[in-house]
PDB file of N, CA and C in Angstrom:
ATOM      1  N   UNK A   1       0.833  -1.164   0.000  1.00  0.00           N
ATOM      2  CA  UNK A   1       0.000   0.000   0.000  1.00  0.00           C
ATOM      3  C   UNK A   1       0.888   1.241   0.000  1.00  0.00           C
ATOM      4  N   UNK A   2       0.499   2.227  -0.772  1.00  0.00           N
ATOM      5  CA  UNK A   2       1.261   3.459  -0.881  1.00  0.00           C
ATOM      6  C   UNK A   2       0.955   4.382   0.291  1.00  0.00           C
ATOM      7  N   UNK A   3       1.990   4.959   0.892  1.00  0.00           N
ATOM      8  CA  UNK A   3       1.770   5.953   1.940  1.00  0.00           C
ATOM      9  C   UNK A   3       1.161   7.184   1.303  1.00  0.00           C
ATOM     10  N   UNK A   4       0.192   7.732   1.954  1.00  0.00           N
ATOM     11  CA  UNK A   4      -0.530   8.863   1.395  1.00  0.00           C
ATOM     12  C   UNK A   4      -0.049  10.158   2.041  1.00  0.00           C
ATOM     13  N   UNK A   5       0.379  11.092   1.209  1.00  0.00           N
ATOM     14  CA  UNK A   5       0.793  12.406   1.682  1.00  0.00           C
ATOM     15  C   UNK A   5      -0.296  13.414   1.394  1.00  0.00           C
ATOM     16  N   UNK A   6       0.087  14.605   1.038  1.00  0.00           N
ATOM     17  CA  UNK A   6      -0.904  15.635   0.774  1.00  0.00           C
ATOM     18  C   UNK A   6      -1.451  15.570  -0.649  1.00  0.00           C
ATOM     19  N   UNK A   7      -0.801  14.825  -1.522  1.00  0.00           N
ATOM     20  CA  UNK A   7      -1.264  14.694  -2.900  1.00  0.00           C
ATOM     21  C   UNK A   7      -1.817  13.294  -3.129  1.00  0.00           C
ATOM     22  N   UNK A   8      -2.862  13.174  -3.979  1.00  0.00           N
ATOM     23  CA  UNK A   8      -3.397  11.844  -4.279  1.00  0.00           C
ATOM     24  C   UNK A   8      -2.331  10.963  -4.913  1.00  0.00           C
ATOM     25  N   UNK A   9      -2.426   9.688  -4.664  1.00  0.00           N
ATOM     26  CA  UNK A   9      -1.496   8.709  -5.209  1.00  0.00           C
ATOM     27  C   UNK A   9      -2.266   7.715  -6.075  1.00  0.00           C
ATOM     28  N   UNK A  10      -1.685   7.351  -7.192  1.00  0.00           N
ATOM     29  CA  UNK A  10      -2.331   6.415  -8.103  1.00  0.00           C
ATOM     30  C   UNK A  10      -2.283   5.018  -7.513  1.00  0.00           C
ATOM     31  N   UNK A  11      -3.416   4.355  -7.501  1.00  0.00           N
ATOM     32  CA  UNK A  11      -3.532   2.971  -7.053  1.00  0.00           C
ATOM     33  C   UNK A  11      -4.036   2.131  -8.219  1.00  0.00           C
ATOM     34  N   UNK A  12      -4.175   0.841  -8.024  1.00  0.00           N
ATOM     35  CA  UNK A  12      -4.565  -0.066  -9.101  1.00  0.00           C
ATOM     36  C   UNK A  12      -5.919   0.280  -9.701  1.00  0.00           C
ATOM     37  N   UNK A  13      -6.874   0.718  -8.898  1.00  0.00           N
ATOM     38  CA  UNK A  13      -8.225   0.970  -9.398  1.00  0.00           C
ATOM     39  C   UNK A  13      -8.553   2.433  -9.585  1.00  0.00           C
ATOM     40  N   UNK A  14      -7.775   3.332  -9.037  1.00  0.00           N
ATOM     41  CA  UNK A  14      -8.092   4.747  -9.154  1.00  0.00           C
ATOM     42  C   UNK A  14      -7.152   5.567  -8.306  1.00  0.00           C
ATOM     43  N   UNK A  15      -7.685   6.510  -7.590  1.00  0.00           N
ATOM     44  CA  UNK A  15      -6.890   7.430  -6.797  1.00  0.00           C
ATOM     45  C   UNK A  15      -7.298   7.354  -5.341  1.00  0.00           C
ATOM     46  N   UNK A  16      -6.340   7.407  -4.467  1.00  0.00           N
ATOM     47  CA  UNK A  16      -6.621   7.523  -3.046  1.00  0.00           C
ATOM     48  C   UNK A  16      -6.089   8.870  -2.594  1.00  0.00           C
ATOM     49  N   UNK A  17      -6.962   9.680  -2.026  1.00  0.00           N
ATOM     50  CA  UNK A  17      -6.572  11.023  -1.635  1.00  0.00           C
ATOM     51  C   UNK A  17      -5.868  11.071  -0.299  1.00  0.00           C
ATOM     52  N   UNK A  18      -5.563  12.271   0.103  1.00  0.00           N
ATOM     53  CA  UNK A  18      -4.794  12.496   1.314  1.00  0.00           C
ATOM     54  C   UNK A  18      -5.470  11.935   2.562  1.00  0.00           C
ATOM     55  N   UNK A  19      -6.765  11.837   2.544  1.00  0.00           N
ATOM     56  CA  UNK A  19      -7.500  11.304   3.696  1.00  0.00           C
ATOM     57  C   UNK A  19      -8.203   9.999   3.338  1.00  0.00           C
ATOM     58  N   UNK A  20      -7.647   9.261   2.438  1.00  0.00           N
ATOM     59  CA  UNK A  20      -8.198   7.982   1.977  1.00  0.00           C
ATOM     60  C   UNK A  20      -9.546   8.169   1.292  1.00  0.00           C
ATOM     61  N   UNK A  21      -9.737   9.333   0.664  1.00  0.00           N
ATOM     62  CA  UNK A  21     -10.930   9.535  -0.135  1.00  0.00           C
ATOM     63  C   UNK A  21     -10.802   8.699  -1.384  1.00  0.00           C
ATOM     64  N   UNK A  22     -11.927   8.254  -1.912  1.00  0.00           N
ATOM     65  CA  UNK A  22     -11.870   7.569  -3.193  1.00  0.00           C
ATOM     66  C   UNK A  22     -12.190   8.580  -4.284  1.00  0.00           C
ATOM     67  N   UNK A  23     -11.507   8.453  -5.394  1.00  0.00           N
ATOM     68  CA  UNK A  23     -11.663   9.366  -6.514  1.00  0.00           C
ATOM     69  C   UNK A  23     -11.768   8.587  -7.815  1.00  0.00           C
ATOM     70  N   UNK A  24     -12.438   9.169  -8.769  1.00  0.00           N
ATOM     71  CA  UNK A  24     -12.447   8.650 -10.129  1.00  0.00           C
ATOM     72  C   UNK A  24     -12.817   7.192 -10.264  1.00  0.00           C
ATOM     73  N   UNK A  25     -11.911   6.443 -10.811  1.00  0.00           N
ATOM     74  CA  UNK A  25     -12.195   5.050 -11.138  1.00  0.00           C
ATOM     75  C   UNK A  25     -12.388   4.172  -9.904  1.00  0.00           C
ATOM     76  N   UNK A  26     -12.051   4.650  -8.704  1.00  0.00           N
ATOM     77  CA  UNK A  26     -12.351   3.898  -7.490  1.00  0.00           C
ATOM     78  C   UNK A  26     -13.853   3.686  -7.348  1.00  0.00           C
ATOM     79  N   UNK A  27     -14.656   4.669  -7.775  1.00  0.00           N
ATOM     80  CA  UNK A  27     -16.107   4.525  -7.702  1.00  0.00           C
ATOM     81  C   UNK A  27     -16.578   3.365  -8.567  1.00  0.00           C
ATOM     82  N   UNK A  28     -16.019   3.252  -9.762  1.00  0.00           N
ATOM     83  CA  UNK A  28     -16.393   2.123 -10.635  1.00  0.00           C
ATOM     84  C   UNK A  28     -15.996   0.802  -9.997  1.00  0.00           C
ATOM     85  N   UNK A  29     -14.814   0.756  -9.420  1.00  0.00           N
ATOM     86  CA  UNK A  29     -14.345  -0.478  -8.788  1.00  0.00           C
ATOM     87  C   UNK A  29     -15.223  -0.850  -7.593  1.00  0.00           C
ATOM     88  N   UNK A  30     -15.715   0.148  -6.877  1.00  0.00           N
ATOM     89  CA  UNK A  30     -16.530  -0.119  -5.695  1.00  0.00           C
ATOM     90  C   UNK A  30     -17.974  -0.469  -6.041  1.00  0.00           C
ATOM     91  N   UNK A  31     -18.557   0.209  -7.022  1.00  0.00           N
ATOM     92  CA  UNK A  31     -19.978   0.044  -7.307  1.00  0.00           C
ATOM     93  C   UNK A  31     -20.285  -0.819  -8.516  1.00  0.00           C
ATOM     94  N   UNK A  32     -19.338  -1.012  -9.402  1.00  0.00           N
ATOM     95  CA  UNK A  32     -19.586  -1.805 -10.607  1.00  0.00           C
ATOM     96  C   UNK A  32     -18.330  -2.589 -10.981  1.00  0.00           C
ATOM     97  N   UNK A  33     -17.843  -3.423 -10.056  1.00  0.00           N
ATOM     98  CA  UNK A  33     -16.607  -4.157 -10.362  1.00  0.00           C
ATOM     99  C   UNK A  33     -16.795  -5.082 -11.563  1.00  0.00           C
ATOM    100  N   UNK A  34     -15.814  -5.055 -12.432  1.00  0.00           N
ATOM    101  CA  UNK A  34     -15.776  -5.931 -13.602  1.00  0.00           C
ATOM    102  C   UNK A  34     -16.906  -5.693 -14.596  1.00  0.00           C
ATOM    103  N   UNK A  35     -17.585  -4.550 -14.519  1.00  0.00           N
ATOM    104  CA  UNK A  35     -18.628  -4.207 -15.486  1.00  0.00           C
ATOM    105  C   UNK A  35     -17.959  -3.454 -16.627  1.00  0.00           C
ATOM    106  N   UNK A  36     -18.043  -3.970 -17.841  1.00  0.00           N
ATOM    107  CA  UNK A  36     -17.347  -3.322 -18.951  1.00  0.00           C
ATOM    108  C   UNK A  36     -18.036  -2.059 -19.466  1.00  0.00           C
ATOM    109  N   UNK A  37     -19.304  -1.851 -19.147  1.00  0.00           N
ATOM    110  CA  UNK A  37     -20.036  -0.693 -19.643  1.00  0.00           C
ATOM    111  C   UNK A  37     -19.504   0.586 -19.000  1.00  0.00           C
ATOM    112  N   UNK A  38     -19.368   1.645 -19.806  1.00  0.00           N
ATOM    113  CA  UNK A  38     -18.825   2.911 -19.309  1.00  0.00           C
ATOM    114  C   UNK A  38     -19.808   4.069 -19.437  1.00  0.00           C
ATOM    115  N   UNK A  39     -20.992   3.791 -19.953  1.00  0.00           N
ATOM    116  CA  UNK A  39     -21.940   4.863 -20.217  1.00  0.00           C
ATOM    117  C   UNK A  39     -21.790   5.442 -21.608  1.00  0.00           C
ATOM    118  N   UNK A  40     -20.912   4.868 -22.422  1.00  0.00           N
ATOM    119  CA  UNK A  40     -20.688   5.373 -23.782  1.00  0.00           C
ATOM    120  C   UNK A  40     -22.005   5.400 -24.558  1.00  0.00           C
ATOM    121  N   UNK A  41     -22.267   6.525 -25.218  1.00  0.00           N
ATOM    122  CA  UNK A  41     -23.473   6.676 -26.009  1.00  0.00           C
ATOM    123  C   UNK A  41     -24.717   6.968 -25.180  1.00  0.00           C
ATOM    124  N   UNK A  42     -24.556   7.180 -23.890  1.00  0.00           N
ATOM    125  CA  UNK A  42     -25.704   7.434 -23.028  1.00  0.00           C
ATOM    126  C   UNK A  42     -25.572   8.795 -22.357  1.00  0.00           C
ATOM    127  N   UNK A  43     -26.701   9.260 -21.856  1.00  0.00           N
ATOM    128  CA  UNK A  43     -26.750  10.518 -21.109  1.00  0.00           C
ATOM    129  C   UNK A  43     -27.314  10.238 -19.733  1.00  0.00           C
ATOM    130  N   UNK A  44     -27.063  11.128 -18.821  1.00  0.00           N
ATOM    131  CA  UNK A  44     -27.652  11.042 -17.483  1.00  0.00           C
ATOM    132  C   UNK A  44     -28.192  12.422 -17.137  1.00  0.00           C
ATOM    133  N   UNK A  45     -29.332  12.455 -16.440  1.00  0.00           N
ATOM    134  CA  UNK A  45     -29.905  13.718 -15.996  1.00  0.00           C
ATOM    135  C   UNK A  45     -29.862  13.759 -14.474  1.00  0.00           C
ATOM    136  N   UNK A  46     -29.404  14.865 -13.951  1.00  0.00           N
ATOM    137  CA  UNK A  46     -29.407  15.097 -12.509  1.00  0.00           C
ATOM    138  C   UNK A  46     -30.280  16.317 -12.247  1.00  0.00           C
ATOM    139  N   UNK A  47     -31.258  16.174 -11.381  1.00  0.00           N
ATOM    140  CA  UNK A  47     -32.069  17.322 -10.981  1.00  0.00           C
ATOM    141  C   UNK A  47     -31.460  17.873  -9.711  1.00  0.00           C
ATOM    142  N   UNK A  48     -30.992  19.094  -9.767  1.00  0.00           N
ATOM    143  CA  UNK A  48     -30.321  19.715  -8.633  1.00  0.00           C
ATOM    144  C   UNK A  48     -31.026  21.019  -8.280  1.00  0.00           C
ATOM    145  N   UNK A  49     -31.088  21.315  -6.998  1.00  0.00           N
ATOM    146  CA  UNK A  49     -31.721  22.542  -6.529  1.00  0.00           C
ATOM    147  C   UNK A  49     -30.665  23.598  -6.216  1.00  0.00           C
ATOM    148  N   UNK A  50     -29.629  23.641  -7.011  1.00  0.00           N
ATOM    149  CA  UNK A  50     -28.561  24.608  -6.808  1.00  0.00           C
ATOM    150  C   UNK A  50     -27.627  24.592  -7.991  1.00  0.00           C
ATOM    151  N   UNK A  51     -26.626  25.419  -7.934  1.00  0.00           N
ATOM    152  CA  UNK A  51     -25.659  25.522  -9.021  1.00  0.00           C
ATOM    153  C   UNK A  51     -24.318  24.927  -8.647  1.00  0.00           C
ATOM    154  N   UNK A  52     -23.374  25.041  -9.567  1.00  0.00           N
ATOM    155  CA  UNK A  52     -22.016  24.525  -9.368  1.00  0.00           C
ATOM    156  C   UNK A  52     -21.072  25.339 -10.234  1.00  0.00           C
ATOM    157  N   UNK A  53     -19.799  25.213  -9.956  1.00  0.00           N
ATOM    158  CA  UNK A  53     -18.784  25.856 -10.781  1.00  0.00           C
ATOM    159  C   UNK A  53     -18.243  24.835 -11.773  1.00  0.00           C
ATOM    160  N   UNK A  54     -18.339  25.127 -13.056  1.00  0.00           N
ATOM    161  CA  UNK A  54     -17.842  24.206 -14.084  1.00  0.00           C
ATOM    162  C   UNK A  54     -16.357  23.927 -13.896  1.00  0.00           C
ATOM    163  N   UNK A  55     -15.613  24.907 -13.394  1.00  0.00           N
ATOM    164  CA  UNK A  55     -14.178  24.712 -13.174  1.00  0.00           C
ATOM    165  C   UNK A  55     -13.917  23.638 -12.115  1.00  0.00           C
ATOM    166  N   UNK A  56     -14.821  23.500 -11.130  1.00  0.00           N
ATOM    167  CA  UNK A  56     -14.663  22.439 -10.129  1.00  0.00           C
ATOM    168  C   UNK A  56     -14.746  21.062 -10.780  1.00  0.00           C
ATOM    169  N   UNK A  57     -15.659  20.916 -11.719  1.00  0.00           N
ATOM    170  CA  UNK A  57     -15.821  19.630 -12.403  1.00  0.00           C
ATOM    171  C   UNK A  57     -14.591  19.350 -13.266  1.00  0.00           C
ATOM    172  N   UNK A  58     -14.133  20.341 -14.004  1.00  0.00           N
ATOM    173  CA  UNK A  58     -12.938  20.175 -14.847  1.00  0.00           C
ATOM    174  C   UNK A  58     -11.714  19.847 -13.996  1.00  0.00           C
ATOM    175  N   UNK A  59     -11.573  20.502 -12.856  1.00  0.00           N
ATOM    176  CA  UNK A  59     -10.442  20.220 -11.965  1.00  0.00           C
ATOM    177  C   UNK A  59     -10.499  18.788 -11.447  1.00  0.00           C
ATOM    178  N   UNK A  60     -11.691  18.329 -11.100  1.00  0.00           N
ATOM    179  CA  UNK A  60     -11.851  16.954 -10.607  1.00  0.00           C
ATOM    180  C   UNK A  60     -11.499  15.949 -11.707  1.00  0.00           C
ATOM    181  N   UNK A  61     -12.000  16.183 -12.918  1.00  0.00           N
ATOM    182  CA  UNK A  61     -11.687  15.277 -14.029  1.00  0.00           C
ATOM    183  C   UNK A  61     -10.188  15.196 -14.248  1.00  0.00           C
ATOM    184  N   UNK A  62      -9.518  16.318 -14.165  1.00  0.00           N
ATOM    185  CA  UNK A  62      -8.073  16.348 -14.347  1.00  0.00           C
ATOM    186  C   UNK A  62      -7.363  15.610 -13.215  1.00  0.00           C
ATOM    187  N   UNK A  63      -7.718  15.901 -11.981  1.00  0.00           N
ATOM    188  CA  UNK A  63      -7.103  15.272 -10.815  1.00  0.00           C
ATOM    189  C   UNK A  63      -7.278  13.760 -10.835  1.00  0.00           C
ATOM    190  N   UNK A  64      -8.473  13.303 -11.207  1.00  0.00           N
ATOM    191  CA  UNK A  64      -8.786  11.878 -11.164  1.00  0.00           C
ATOM    192  C   UNK A  64      -8.500  11.165 -12.487  1.00  0.00           C
ATOM    193  N   UNK A  65      -7.884  11.841 -13.448  1.00  0.00           N
ATOM    194  CA  UNK A  65      -7.542  11.268 -14.752  1.00  0.00           C
ATOM    195  C   UNK A  65      -8.771  10.719 -15.470  1.00  0.00           C
ATOM    196  N   UNK A  66      -9.861  11.466 -15.389  1.00  0.00           N
ATOM    197  CA  UNK A  66     -11.101  11.101 -16.076  1.00  0.00           C
ATOM    198  C   UNK A  66     -11.229  11.911 -17.357  1.00  0.00           C
ATOM    199  N   UNK A  67     -11.956  11.378 -18.340  1.00  0.00           N
ATOM    200  CA  UNK A  67     -12.163  12.154 -19.557  1.00  0.00           C
ATOM    201  C   UNK A  67     -13.073  13.345 -19.274  1.00  0.00           C
ATOM    202  N   UNK A  68     -13.006  14.352 -20.135  1.00  0.00           N
ATOM    203  CA  UNK A  68     -13.888  15.497 -20.010  1.00  0.00           C
ATOM    204  C   UNK A  68     -15.266  15.102 -20.522  1.00  0.00           C
ATOM    205  N   UNK A  69     -16.235  15.022 -19.631  1.00  0.00           N
ATOM    206  CA  UNK A  69     -17.606  14.693 -20.005  1.00  0.00           C
ATOM    207  C   UNK A  69     -18.354  16.004 -20.206  1.00  0.00           C
ATOM    208  N   UNK A  70     -18.959  16.206 -21.384  1.00  0.00           N
ATOM    209  CA  UNK A  70     -19.663  17.467 -21.632  1.00  0.00           C
ATOM    210  C   UNK A  70     -20.886  17.597 -20.732  1.00  0.00           C
ATOM    211  N   UNK A  71     -21.108  18.802 -20.224  1.00  0.00           N
ATOM    212  CA  UNK A  71     -22.255  19.089 -19.368  1.00  0.00           C
ATOM    213  C   UNK A  71     -23.190  20.053 -20.080  1.00  0.00           C
ATOM    214  N   UNK A  72     -24.480  19.843 -19.913  1.00  0.00           N
ATOM    215  CA  UNK A  72     -25.476  20.751 -20.469  1.00  0.00           C
ATOM    216  C   UNK A  72     -26.452  21.083 -19.354  1.00  0.00           C
ATOM    217  N   UNK A  73     -26.554  22.349 -19.032  1.00  0.00           N
ATOM    218  CA  UNK A  73     -27.458  22.792 -17.981  1.00  0.00           C
ATOM    219  C   UNK A  73     -28.799  23.196 -18.566  1.00  0.00           C
ATOM    220  N   UNK A  74     -29.869  22.788 -17.917  1.00  0.00           N
ATOM    221  CA  UNK A  74     -31.217  23.216 -18.257  1.00  0.00           C
ATOM    222  C   UNK A  74     -31.726  23.962 -17.025  1.00  0.00           C
ATOM    223  N   UNK A  75     -31.753  25.275 -17.117  1.00  0.00           N
ATOM    224  CA  UNK A  75     -32.140  26.097 -15.973  1.00  0.00           C
ATOM    225  C   UNK A  75     -33.642  26.331 -15.993  1.00  0.00           C
ATOM    226  N   UNK A  76     -34.239  26.328 -14.802  1.00  0.00           N
ATOM    227  CA  UNK A  76     -35.691  26.433 -14.704  1.00  0.00           C
ATOM    228  C   UNK A  76     -36.109  27.590 -13.801  1.00  0.00           C
ATOM    229  N   UNK A  77     -37.296  28.086 -14.056  1.00  0.00           N
ATOM    230  CA  UNK A  77     -37.948  29.084 -13.206  1.00  0.00           C
ATOM    231  C   UNK A  77     -37.079  30.312 -12.936  1.00  0.00           C
ATOM    232  N   UNK A  78     -36.333  30.746 -13.924  1.00  0.00           N
ATOM    233  CA  UNK A  78     -35.534  31.956 -13.793  1.00  0.00           C
ATOM    234  C   UNK A  78     -34.217  31.788 -13.048  1.00  0.00           C
ATOM    235  N   UNK A  79     -33.891  30.564 -12.601  1.00  0.00           N
ATOM    236  CA  UNK A  79     -32.623  30.335 -11.906  1.00  0.00           C
ATOM    237  C   UNK A  79     -31.489  30.534 -12.892  1.00  0.00           C
ATOM    238  N   UNK A  80     -30.446  31.258 -12.481  1.00  0.00           N
ATOM    239  CA  UNK A  80     -29.344  31.562 -13.402  1.00  0.00           C
ATOM    240  C   UNK A  80     -28.156  30.613 -13.280  1.00  0.00           C
ATOM    241  N   UNK A  81     -28.229  29.633 -12.381  1.00  0.00           N
ATOM    242  CA  UNK A  81     -27.159  28.653 -12.252  1.00  0.00           C
ATOM    243  C   UNK A  81     -26.052  29.039 -11.290  1.00  0.00           C
ATOM    244  N   UNK A  82     -26.137  30.215 -10.701  1.00  0.00           N
ATOM    245  CA  UNK A  82     -25.109  30.663  -9.767  1.00  0.00           C
ATOM    246  C   UNK A  82     -25.139  29.810  -8.502  1.00  0.00           C
ATOM    247  N   UNK A  83     -24.029  29.189  -8.151  1.00  0.00           N
ATOM    248  CA  UNK A  83     -24.010  28.354  -6.944  1.00  0.00           C
ATOM    249  C   UNK A  83     -24.009  29.191  -5.674  1.00  0.00           C
ATOM    250  N   UNK A  84     -24.485  28.587  -4.608  1.00  0.00           N
ATOM    251  CA  UNK A  84     -24.373  29.227  -3.304  1.00  0.00           C
ATOM    252  C   UNK A  84     -23.546  28.327  -2.402  1.00  0.00           C
ATOM    253  N   UNK A  85     -23.206  28.830  -1.244  1.00  0.00           N
ATOM    254  CA  UNK A  85     -22.315  28.079  -0.348  1.00  0.00           C
ATOM    255  C   UNK A  85     -22.977  26.832   0.225  1.00  0.00           C
ATOM    256  N   UNK A  86     -24.286  26.703   0.110  1.00  0.00           N
ATOM    257  CA  UNK A  86     -24.988  25.540   0.652  1.00  0.00           C
ATOM    258  C   UNK A  86     -25.096  24.398  -0.347  1.00  0.00           C
ATOM    259  N   UNK A  87     -25.252  24.727  -1.620  1.00  0.00           N
ATOM    260  CA  UNK A  87     -25.503  23.675  -2.609  1.00  0.00           C
ATOM    261  C   UNK A  87     -24.306  23.327  -3.481  1.00  0.00           C
ATOM    262  N   UNK A  88     -23.358  24.230  -3.623  1.00  0.00           N
ATOM    263  CA  UNK A  88     -22.247  24.016  -4.553  1.00  0.00           C
ATOM    264  C   UNK A  88     -21.547  22.684  -4.336  1.00  0.00           C
ATOM    265  N   UNK A  89     -21.195  22.380  -3.100  1.00  0.00           N
ATOM    266  CA  UNK A  89     -20.459  21.156  -2.811  1.00  0.00           C
ATOM    267  C   UNK A  89     -21.265  19.917  -3.194  1.00  0.00           C
ATOM    268  N   UNK A  90     -22.522  19.873  -2.821  1.00  0.00           N
ATOM    269  CA  UNK A  90     -23.357  18.696  -3.090  1.00  0.00           C
ATOM    270  C   UNK A  90     -23.605  18.515  -4.583  1.00  0.00           C
ATOM    271  N   UNK A  91     -23.897  19.593  -5.281  1.00  0.00           N
ATOM    272  CA  UNK A  91     -24.145  19.513  -6.722  1.00  0.00           C
ATOM    273  C   UNK A  91     -22.886  19.025  -7.443  1.00  0.00           C
ATOM    274  N   UNK A  92     -21.741  19.596  -7.105  1.00  0.00           N
ATOM    275  CA  UNK A  92     -20.482  19.168  -7.723  1.00  0.00           C
ATOM    276  C   UNK A  92     -20.210  17.701  -7.434  1.00  0.00           C
ATOM    277  N   UNK A  93     -20.428  17.282  -6.208  1.00  0.00           N
ATOM    278  CA  UNK A  93     -20.204  15.891  -5.833  1.00  0.00           C
ATOM    279  C   UNK A  93     -21.088  14.947  -6.638  1.00  0.00           C
ATOM    280  N   UNK A  94     -22.351  15.304  -6.841  1.00  0.00           N
ATOM    281  CA  UNK A  94     -23.257  14.466  -7.630  1.00  0.00           C
ATOM    282  C   UNK A  94     -22.755  14.308  -9.064  1.00  0.00           C
ATOM    283  N   UNK A  95     -22.327  15.412  -9.659  1.00  0.00           N
ATOM    284  CA  UNK A  95     -21.824  15.377 -11.039  1.00  0.00           C
ATOM    285  C   UNK A  95     -20.540  14.561 -11.122  1.00  0.00           C
ATOM    286  N   UNK A  96     -19.626  14.792 -10.205  1.00  0.00           N
ATOM    287  CA  UNK A  96     -18.339  14.084 -10.202  1.00  0.00           C
ATOM    288  C   UNK A  96     -18.523  12.588  -9.985  1.00  0.00           C
ATOM    289  N   UNK A  97     -19.461  12.208  -9.136  1.00  0.00           N
ATOM    290  CA  UNK A  97     -19.727  10.785  -8.894  1.00  0.00           C
ATOM    291  C   UNK A  97     -20.295  10.129 -10.151  1.00  0.00           C
ATOM    292  N   UNK A  98     -21.219  10.815 -10.836  1.00  0.00           N
ATOM    293  CA  UNK A  98     -21.781  10.259 -12.069  1.00  0.00           C
ATOM    294  C   UNK A  98     -20.694  10.061 -13.127  1.00  0.00           C
ATOM    295  N   UNK A  99     -19.809  11.052 -13.272  1.00  0.00           N
ATOM    296  CA  UNK A  99     -18.721  10.946 -14.241  1.00  0.00           C
ATOM    297  C   UNK A  99     -17.761   9.817 -13.855  1.00  0.00           C
ATOM    298  N   UNK A 100     -17.498   9.671 -12.569  1.00  0.00           N
ATOM    299  CA  UNK A 100     -16.592   8.618 -12.110  1.00  0.00           C
ATOM    300  C   UNK A 100     -17.153   7.230 -12.386  1.00  0.00           C
ATOM    301  N   UNK A 101     -18.446   7.074 -12.227  1.00  0.00           N
ATOM    302  CA  UNK A 101     -19.070   5.765 -12.438  1.00  0.00           C
ATOM    303  C   UNK A 101     -19.292   5.463 -13.912  1.00  0.00           C
ATOM    304  N   UNK A 102     -19.487   6.514 -14.710  1.00  0.00           N
ATOM    305  CA  UNK A 102     -19.757   6.327 -16.140  1.00  0.00           C
ATOM    306  C   UNK A 102     -18.945   7.339 -16.940  1.00  0.00           C
ATOM    307  N   UNK A 103     -17.641   7.145 -17.056  1.00  0.00           N
ATOM    308  CA  UNK A 103     -16.788   8.131 -17.717  1.00  0.00           C
ATOM    309  C   UNK A 103     -17.017   8.260 -19.223  1.00  0.00           C
ATOM    310  N   UNK A 104     -17.796   7.377 -19.805  1.00  0.00           N
ATOM    311  CA  UNK A 104     -18.068   7.448 -21.240  1.00  0.00           C
ATOM    312  C   UNK A 104     -19.313   8.222 -21.581  1.00  0.00           C
ATOM    313  N   UNK A 105     -19.952   8.872 -20.604  1.00  0.00           N
ATOM    314  CA  UNK A 105     -21.170   9.624 -20.841  1.00  0.00           C
ATOM    315  C   UNK A 105     -20.950  10.714 -21.879  1.00  0.00           C
ATOM    316  N   UNK A 106     -22.016  11.030 -22.606  1.00  0.00           N
ATOM    317  CA  UNK A 106     -21.991  12.123 -23.573  1.00  0.00           C
ATOM    318  C   UNK A 106     -23.353  12.779 -23.574  1.00  0.00           C
ATOM    319  N   UNK A 107     -23.481  13.856 -24.346  1.00  0.00           N
ATOM    320  CA  UNK A 107     -24.789  14.522 -24.452  1.00  0.00           C
ATOM    321  C   UNK A 107     -25.725  13.728 -25.309  1.00  0.00           C
TER     322      UNK A 107
END
């Protein structure tokens, strides 16, 4: 086992963060071991009651060595997509988890 410092370390299935967080492909290994499907040719919809920063998603994809999955926002009832301090973390986490489990997603 690799000693974990302040930077994530590459492991056999994905990334282990500084506090033993699972990242990227670790989600696939944990929730869909040995499943060859990646979500290629499919879309996923997440209904969120808040916004997120697109740069957070891009940073996560880069950190976890995941492909860039295109995102399309459908804003409702005049909401402009601006995140707040209460929802940003949860919304980003939902998107990052979906990308980690199905890195082949597309629009």
